[in-house]
Amino acid sequence: MNFLHHLKSKQDVDEAIRNTEERVLVLRFGKENEIGCMQTDDIMSRTETLLSEMATICTVNISDVPEYVDYFDITHIPATVFFFNGQHIKVNSGMPDHTKFIGPFQTKQDFIDLVEVVFRGAIRGKYLVNSPIDRRRLAHYEMLYKDY
């Protein structure tokens, strides 16, 4: 079994974002012992070798990087964020929030398909891609937005 690279600080995350070139940087924000995170980590670790030509996959504990938790407004875990050549790639999964993929992945193929779509879109200069995952297999959360 592969073990995913764990980023332990804001500096580690910043460095990964800056230094991952010509591949998608996948950052799973969450907690190691949370069931959805463990499910996602299992899927990511089983696909890491297969996706190694197009993606670098890392996990980030939300308690280690409160700056990124605030920046990406991470209120549900796991939350998966994508970058390409230092640029944040957003994913339209039919939810109000495109900055991250919220919830666990249901299958290996869902994760593989999403990484491939992000990679192909990013190569073409797109900063927003449409999720290939069937909406019936997505976690649905009630998003509350406040007007200030």
Protein backbone atom coordinates (compact mmCIF):
# COMPACT_ATOMS: atom_id res chain seq x y z
CA MET A 1 0.00 0.00 0.00
CA ASN A 2 1.23 3.47 -0.85
CA PHE A 3 1.34 6.15 1.78
CA LEU A 4 0.33 9.63 0.72
CA HIS A 5 2.65 12.54 1.34
CA HIS A 6 1.46 14.52 4.38
CA LEU A 7 2.01 18.27 4.49
CA LYS A 8 2.45 19.43 8.08
CA SER A 9 2.52 23.24 7.89
CA LYS A 10 1.46 26.28 5.89
CA GLN A 11 5.04 26.47 4.58
CA ASP A 12 4.84 22.86 3.34
CA VAL A 13 1.57 23.60 1.53
CA ASP A 14 2.95 26.85 0.03
CA GLU A 15 6.05 25.01 -1.17
CA ALA A 16 4.00 22.19 -2.73
CA ILE A 17 1.81 24.71 -4.56
CA ARG A 18 4.83 26.65 -5.86
CA ASN A 19 6.96 23.64 -6.78
CA THR A 20 4.48 21.23 -8.40
CA GLU A 21 4.88 21.83 -12.12
CA GLU A 22 3.07 20.34 -15.10
CA ARG A 23 1.02 18.11 -12.79
CA VAL A 24 -2.12 18.58 -10.75
CA LEU A 25 -1.50 19.08 -7.05
CA VAL A 26 -4.30 17.38 -5.13
CA LEU A 27 -4.64 18.53 -1.52
CA ARG A 28 -7.02 16.59 0.74
CA PHE A 29 -7.87 18.72 3.77
CA GLY A 30 -9.28 16.83 6.73
CA LYS A 31 -8.41 14.67 9.73
CA GLU A 32 -6.63 11.32 9.61
CA ASN A 33 -9.17 9.49 11.79
CA GLU A 34 -12.37 10.83 10.26
CA ILE A 35 -14.24 8.13 8.31
CA GLY A 36 -14.77 10.17 5.12
CA CYS A 37 -11.11 11.20 5.09
CA MET A 38 -9.99 7.59 5.60
CA GLN A 39 -12.20 6.50 2.69
CA THR A 40 -10.81 9.26 0.47
CA ASP A 41 -7.21 8.56 1.55
CA ASP A 42 -7.67 4.87 0.72
CA ILE A 43 -8.93 5.73 -2.78
CA MET A 44 -6.17 8.29 -3.31
CA SER A 45 -3.43 5.94 -2.16
CA ARG A 46 -4.70 3.14 -4.43
CA THR A 47 -4.67 5.48 -7.45
CA GLU A 48 -1.47 7.40 -6.70
CA THR A 49 0.78 5.23 -8.88
CA LEU A 50 -1.73 5.19 -11.74
CA LEU A 51 -2.04 9.00 -11.65
CA SER A 52 1.65 9.73 -10.99
CA GLU A 53 2.23 11.14 -14.49
CA MET A 54 -0.48 13.78 -14.06
CA ALA A 55 -0.88 14.36 -10.30
CA THR A 56 0.86 14.74 -6.96
CA ILE A 57 -1.44 13.80 -4.09
CA CYS A 58 -1.00 15.12 -0.55
CA THR A 59 -2.99 15.14 2.66
CA VAL A 60 -3.24 18.11 5.00
CA ASN A 61 -4.57 18.03 8.55
CA ILE A 62 -6.88 21.00 9.05
CA SER A 63 -5.48 21.69 12.53
CA ASP A 64 -2.00 22.19 10.99
CA VAL A 65 -3.03 24.92 8.53
CA PRO A 66 -5.76 27.17 9.94
CA GLU A 67 -4.81 29.83 7.36
CA TYR A 68 -5.85 27.55 4.49
CA VAL A 69 -8.95 26.36 6.35
CA ASP A 70 -10.05 30.00 6.55
CA TYR A 71 -8.91 30.87 3.02
CA PHE A 72 -10.82 27.98 1.40
CA ASP A 73 -13.68 28.24 3.92
CA ILE A 74 -13.39 24.56 4.82
CA THR A 75 -16.43 23.74 6.93
CA HIS A 76 -16.96 20.13 5.80
CA ILE A 77 -14.29 17.44 5.54
CA PRO A 78 -12.85 15.95 3.54
CA ALA A 79 -12.37 18.89 1.23
CA THR A 80 -10.16 18.38 -1.81
CA VAL A 81 -8.49 21.33 -3.54
CA PHE A 82 -6.69 21.26 -6.90
CA PHE A 83 -3.78 23.34 -8.22
CA PHE A 84 -1.86 23.32 -11.49
CA ASN A 85 1.42 25.24 -11.87
CA GLY A 86 0.58 27.28 -8.79
CA GLN A 87 -2.90 28.19 -10.06
CA HIS A 88 -6.00 27.17 -8.11
CA ILE A 89 -8.27 25.05 -10.34
CA LYS A 90 -11.93 25.18 -9.41
CA VAL A 91 -14.39 22.35 -9.92
CA ASN A 92 -18.05 22.84 -10.81
CA SER A 93 -19.84 19.88 -9.28
CA GLY A 94 -23.26 21.50 -9.34
CA MET A 95 -22.87 22.91 -5.83
CA PRO A 96 -22.67 26.61 -4.94
CA ASP A 97 -19.00 26.32 -3.93
CA HIS A 98 -16.55 25.66 -6.80
CA THR A 99 -13.35 26.26 -4.81
CA LYS A 100 -13.12 22.68 -3.57
CA PHE A 101 -14.60 19.21 -3.91
CA ILE A 102 -16.53 18.54 -0.72
CA GLY A 103 -17.00 15.08 0.76
CA PRO A 104 -15.46 11.67 0.24
CA PHE A 105 -15.03 10.08 -3.16
CA GLN A 106 -17.33 7.09 -3.61
CA THR A 107 -15.18 5.12 -6.05
CA LYS A 108 -11.63 4.98 -7.39
CA GLN A 109 -12.95 5.72 -10.86
CA ASP A 110 -14.67 8.92 -9.68
CA PHE A 111 -11.37 10.22 -8.32
CA ILE A 112 -9.41 9.16 -11.42
CA ASP A 113 -11.98 10.80 -13.73
CA LEU A 114 -11.93 14.05 -11.75
CA VAL A 115 -8.13 14.28 -11.71
CA GLU A 116 -8.02 13.61 -15.46
CA VAL A 117 -10.61 16.35 -16.13
CA VAL A 118 -8.71 18.81 -13.94
CA PHE A 119 -5.43 17.92 -15.68
CA ARG A 120 -6.82 18.21 -19.21
CA GLY A 121 -8.61 21.46 -18.42
CA ALA A 122 -5.56 22.98 -16.73
CA ILE A 123 -3.30 22.01 -19.66
CA ARG A 124 -5.71 23.97 -21.89
CA GLY A 125 -5.54 26.99 -19.58
CA LYS A 126 -8.92 26.53 -17.89
CA TYR A 127 -9.27 27.54 -14.25
CA LEU A 128 -12.76 26.08 -13.84
CA VAL A 129 -13.68 22.56 -14.95
CA ASN A 130 -16.93 20.61 -14.78
CA SER A 131 -16.93 17.55 -12.55
CA PRO A 132 -17.43 14.29 -14.46
CA ILE A 133 -18.87 12.63 -11.34
CA ASP A 134 -22.57 11.81 -11.47
CA ARG A 135 -24.35 14.23 -9.11
CA ARG A 136 -26.22 11.33 -7.51
CA ARG A 137 -22.89 10.10 -6.09
CA LEU A 138 -21.91 13.44 -4.58
CA ALA A 139 -22.24 14.33 -0.92
CA HIS A 140 -24.90 17.00 -0.54
CA TYR A 141 -24.41 19.64 2.09
CA GLU A 142 -26.60 22.60 2.83
CA MET A 143 -24.46 25.65 2.13
CA LEU A 144 -25.38 28.73 4.07
CA TYR A 145 -24.20 32.06 2.72
CA LYS A 146 -24.50 35.21 4.77
CA ASP A 147 -24.90 38.69 3.36
CA TYR A 148 -22.74 41.09 5.31
